[in-house]
Amino acid sequence: NKNYLTGLKNILALLLVIHFIVTRVETAHLHSQLRTKEYILAPGVQDFTPASAHSVPDSYVRDASHEYLSLLGNFTAGNIEEQYGLLAESMSPQLKVRFLAEVDPFKARVKAENISETLTVTDKEIRAAGTGYYQITALARKETYVNNEYLGHTDEAIELVLQLMPPKSGKRWFLQINTLTRQKAETFKTKRGY
C-alpha cells in the first residue's frame, strides 16, 4: 500500500513535469509565430515602430508611396543617379536589375541634354492587396525642362505594388517595390475604362 502511494506520487510528479514542459514548448512556439508576423517600420531614419502586417497605418504606406514617386519623377541631370539609386534600393532584386538596365540609356540622355523633370501627383489610390501587399495607382503630371526651358507636360499613370518586408541590414524602408509601371494617362484610362 505504501509502495502504491509512492508510485502514484511519482507518476503524478512525472505527469506534472511533462505538462509543464509541453505548455512551455507550446508557448515558445506560439511566441515565435507571433514574432514572425512582426516588423519594424521605419518612417524616418531615427523613428522605429513595431507593427504587424495587419496593422500598418495608412500614413506609412502613403508616405512610402510619396517618397518612391518623388524619387522616380523629380530629378535633374545632377541628381538622377542618386535618385534612381535610392529608388532601386527599395525594389525587389528582380525588379532592381530590370529597372537599372532599362533606365541606363535614359540617365545618359538626361545628363547629356541637361534634362530635368518634376512630377506632381494629381490623384492617388492606395488599396490593400492581401496581407502585407499594397497596390498604389497614381495619376500625375510630368513637366519636362531642357537647359531650364520648359518643353511641356505629359499626364501619366504610375502603378506600384508594395510589399511589407521584415527589416534587413542596410534597408531603410519597410515597403519593397515589387512592380512598377509607368504609362500615359490616356492609355491607362482606356485600359481601365475610366
Protein backbone atom coordinates (compact mmCIF):
# COMPACT_ATOMS: atom_id res chain seq x y z
CA ASN A 1 0.00 0.00 0.00
CA LYS A 2 2.86 2.38 0.86
CA ASN A 3 4.70 1.47 -2.36
CA TYR A 4 1.46 2.05 -4.27
CA LEU A 5 1.16 5.63 -2.89
CA THR A 6 4.83 6.35 -3.59
CA GLY A 7 4.44 5.07 -7.16
CA LEU A 8 1.28 7.16 -7.59
CA LYS A 9 3.11 10.28 -6.32
CA ASN A 10 5.99 9.62 -8.73
CA ILE A 11 3.60 9.18 -11.66
CA LEU A 12 1.74 12.36 -10.70
CA ALA A 13 5.03 14.29 -10.40
CA LEU A 14 6.15 12.95 -13.79
CA LEU A 15 2.84 13.99 -15.39
CA LEU A 16 3.16 17.48 -13.92
CA VAL A 17 6.70 17.83 -15.26
CA ILE A 18 5.58 16.61 -18.72
CA HIS A 19 2.62 19.00 -18.66
CA PHE A 20 4.90 21.89 -17.70
CA ILE A 21 7.38 21.10 -20.50
CA VAL A 22 4.61 20.72 -23.12
CA THR A 23 2.99 24.05 -22.18
CA ARG A 24 6.38 25.84 -22.24
CA VAL A 25 7.19 24.42 -25.68
CA GLU A 26 3.73 25.37 -26.95
CA THR A 27 4.06 28.90 -25.54
CA ALA A 28 7.51 29.30 -27.10
CA HIS A 29 6.16 28.08 -30.46
CA LEU A 30 3.22 30.50 -30.36
CA HIS A 31 5.52 33.34 -29.37
CA SER A 32 7.85 32.61 -32.31
CA GLN A 33 4.87 32.53 -34.69
CA LEU A 34 3.72 35.89 -33.36
CA ARG A 35 7.20 37.37 -33.86
CA THR A 36 7.42 36.20 -37.48
CA LYS A 37 4.50 38.48 -38.34
CA GLU A 38 6.04 41.48 -36.62
CA TYR A 39 8.14 44.02 -38.49
CA ILE A 40 9.90 47.24 -37.69
CA LEU A 41 8.50 50.20 -39.58
CA ALA A 42 10.98 52.94 -40.32
CA PRO A 43 9.11 56.07 -41.39
CA GLY A 44 12.20 58.15 -40.62
CA VAL A 45 15.78 57.33 -40.05
CA GLN A 46 15.53 57.56 -36.23
CA ASP A 47 11.90 56.60 -35.64
CA PHE A 48 11.10 52.86 -35.32
CA THR A 49 7.67 51.46 -34.51
CA PRO A 50 6.75 47.78 -34.07
CA ALA A 51 3.83 46.68 -36.24
CA SER A 52 2.37 43.63 -37.90
CA ALA A 53 1.18 43.09 -41.45
CA HIS A 54 -2.43 43.59 -40.36
CA SER A 55 -1.84 46.86 -38.51
CA VAL A 56 0.30 49.02 -40.80
CA PRO A 57 -1.04 52.57 -40.57
CA ASP A 58 -2.24 54.09 -43.84
CA SER A 59 0.12 57.01 -43.22
CA TYR A 60 3.19 54.73 -43.53
CA VAL A 61 2.01 53.36 -46.88
CA ARG A 62 1.07 56.85 -48.07
CA ASP A 63 4.44 58.31 -47.02
CA ALA A 64 6.43 55.49 -48.62
CA SER A 65 4.49 55.75 -51.89
CA HIS A 66 5.03 59.53 -51.88
CA GLU A 67 8.77 59.02 -51.37
CA TYR A 68 9.01 56.47 -54.20
CA LEU A 69 7.02 58.60 -56.65
CA SER A 70 9.16 61.62 -55.79
CA LEU A 71 12.39 59.68 -56.39
CA LEU A 72 11.03 58.41 -59.70
CA GLY A 73 9.71 61.67 -61.11
CA ASN A 74 11.62 64.61 -59.61
CA PHE A 75 15.19 64.74 -60.87
CA THR A 76 17.82 66.86 -62.57
CA ALA A 77 20.87 65.92 -64.62
CA GLY A 78 22.93 66.34 -61.44
CA ASN A 79 20.94 64.10 -59.12
CA ILE A 80 19.34 61.42 -61.31
CA GLU A 81 22.00 58.82 -60.41
CA GLU A 82 21.37 59.31 -56.70
CA GLN A 83 17.56 59.47 -57.05
CA TYR A 84 17.29 56.30 -59.13
CA GLY A 85 19.91 54.55 -56.99
CA LEU A 86 17.85 55.21 -53.84
CA LEU A 87 14.68 54.05 -55.62
CA ALA A 88 16.37 50.86 -56.84
CA GLU A 89 17.48 50.02 -53.27
CA SER A 90 13.81 49.76 -52.31
CA MET A 91 12.98 47.30 -55.11
CA SER A 92 12.84 43.53 -55.15
CA PRO A 93 16.07 42.01 -56.55
CA GLN A 94 14.41 41.06 -59.86
CA LEU A 95 12.81 44.48 -60.38
CA LYS A 96 16.02 46.27 -59.37
CA VAL A 97 18.07 44.51 -62.07
CA ARG A 98 15.45 45.17 -64.76
CA PHE A 99 14.90 48.80 -63.68
CA LEU A 100 18.60 49.70 -63.65
CA ALA A 101 19.13 48.12 -67.08
CA GLU A 102 16.13 49.96 -68.57
CA VAL A 103 16.99 53.40 -67.15
CA ASP A 104 20.70 53.39 -68.08
CA PRO A 105 20.18 54.89 -71.57
CA PHE A 106 17.65 57.36 -70.15
CA LYS A 107 20.07 58.54 -67.45
CA ALA A 108 22.79 59.07 -70.08
CA ARG A 109 20.37 61.15 -72.18
CA VAL A 110 19.30 63.20 -69.14
CA LYS A 111 22.92 64.05 -68.36
CA ALA A 112 23.89 64.76 -71.99
CA GLU A 113 20.90 67.03 -72.67
CA ASN A 114 20.62 68.59 -69.18
CA ILE A 115 17.04 67.38 -68.72
CA SER A 116 15.09 67.86 -65.52
CA GLU A 117 11.58 66.70 -64.68
CA THR A 118 9.04 67.38 -61.98
CA LEU A 119 6.18 65.07 -61.12
CA THR A 120 3.00 66.35 -59.49
CA VAL A 121 0.59 63.68 -58.29
CA THR A 122 -2.99 64.77 -59.04
CA ASP A 123 -4.79 61.67 -57.76
CA LYS A 124 -3.61 58.63 -55.80
CA GLU A 125 -5.38 55.45 -54.74
CA ILE A 126 -3.94 53.01 -52.20
CA ARG A 127 -5.55 49.59 -51.84
CA ALA A 128 -4.55 46.71 -49.60
CA ALA A 129 -3.99 43.75 -51.91
CA GLY A 130 -3.61 40.89 -49.45
CA THR A 131 -1.68 40.60 -46.23
CA GLY A 132 1.30 42.91 -46.42
CA TYR A 133 0.73 43.95 -50.07
CA TYR A 134 -0.44 47.36 -51.29
CA GLN A 135 -1.49 48.45 -54.80
CA ILE A 136 -0.73 52.12 -55.49
CA THR A 137 -2.23 53.86 -58.53
CA ALA A 138 -1.19 57.47 -59.08
CA LEU A 139 -2.26 59.88 -61.79
CA ALA A 140 0.39 62.55 -62.22
CA ARG A 141 1.56 65.41 -64.42
CA LYS A 142 5.18 65.21 -65.59
CA GLU A 143 6.75 68.53 -66.62
CA THR A 144 9.96 68.42 -68.63
CA TYR A 145 12.73 71.03 -68.89
CA VAL A 146 15.85 71.08 -71.07
CA ASN A 147 18.51 73.59 -70.08
CA ASN A 148 15.89 75.24 -67.85
CA GLU A 149 13.50 75.75 -70.78
CA TYR A 150 10.01 74.36 -70.36
CA LEU A 151 9.16 71.75 -73.01
CA GLY A 152 5.65 70.88 -71.85
CA HIS A 153 3.85 68.31 -69.78
CA THR A 154 2.57 64.76 -70.04
CA ASP A 155 -0.16 63.17 -67.95
CA GLU A 156 0.90 59.76 -66.65
CA ALA A 157 -0.41 56.84 -64.66
CA ILE A 158 2.05 55.11 -62.34
CA GLU A 159 1.28 51.81 -60.66
CA LEU A 160 3.27 50.27 -57.81
CA VAL A 161 2.82 47.08 -55.85
CA LEU A 162 4.48 47.38 -52.44
CA GLN A 163 5.16 44.51 -50.08
CA LEU A 164 5.74 44.79 -46.34
CA MET A 165 9.14 43.21 -45.70
CA PRO A 166 10.87 42.20 -42.48
CA PRO A 167 13.76 44.54 -41.68
CA LYS A 168 17.15 43.66 -43.13
CA SER A 169 20.54 45.16 -42.54
CA GLY A 170 21.01 48.19 -44.77
CA LYS A 171 17.34 48.55 -45.73
CA ARG A 172 15.91 51.95 -44.91
CA TRP A 173 12.26 51.35 -45.83
CA PHE A 174 9.95 48.60 -44.78
CA LEU A 175 7.92 48.55 -48.02
CA GLN A 176 9.58 46.88 -51.00
CA ILE A 177 8.58 47.78 -54.56
CA ASN A 178 7.68 44.54 -56.36
CA THR A 179 6.26 46.05 -59.56
CA LEU A 180 6.47 49.48 -61.16
CA THR A 181 4.71 50.51 -64.36
CA ARG A 182 4.54 53.93 -65.93
CA GLN A 183 2.36 54.83 -68.90
CA LYS A 184 0.47 57.72 -70.45
CA ALA A 185 -2.71 58.53 -68.54
CA GLU A 186 -4.83 58.20 -71.71
CA THR A 187 -3.61 54.62 -72.27
CA PHE A 188 -4.22 53.74 -68.63
CA LYS A 189 -7.73 55.21 -68.64
CA THR A 190 -8.62 53.40 -71.87
CA LYS A 191 -7.43 50.06 -70.43
CA ARG A 192 -9.28 50.60 -67.14
CA GLY A 193 -12.42 52.13 -68.68
CA TYR A 194 -12.19 55.44 -66.79
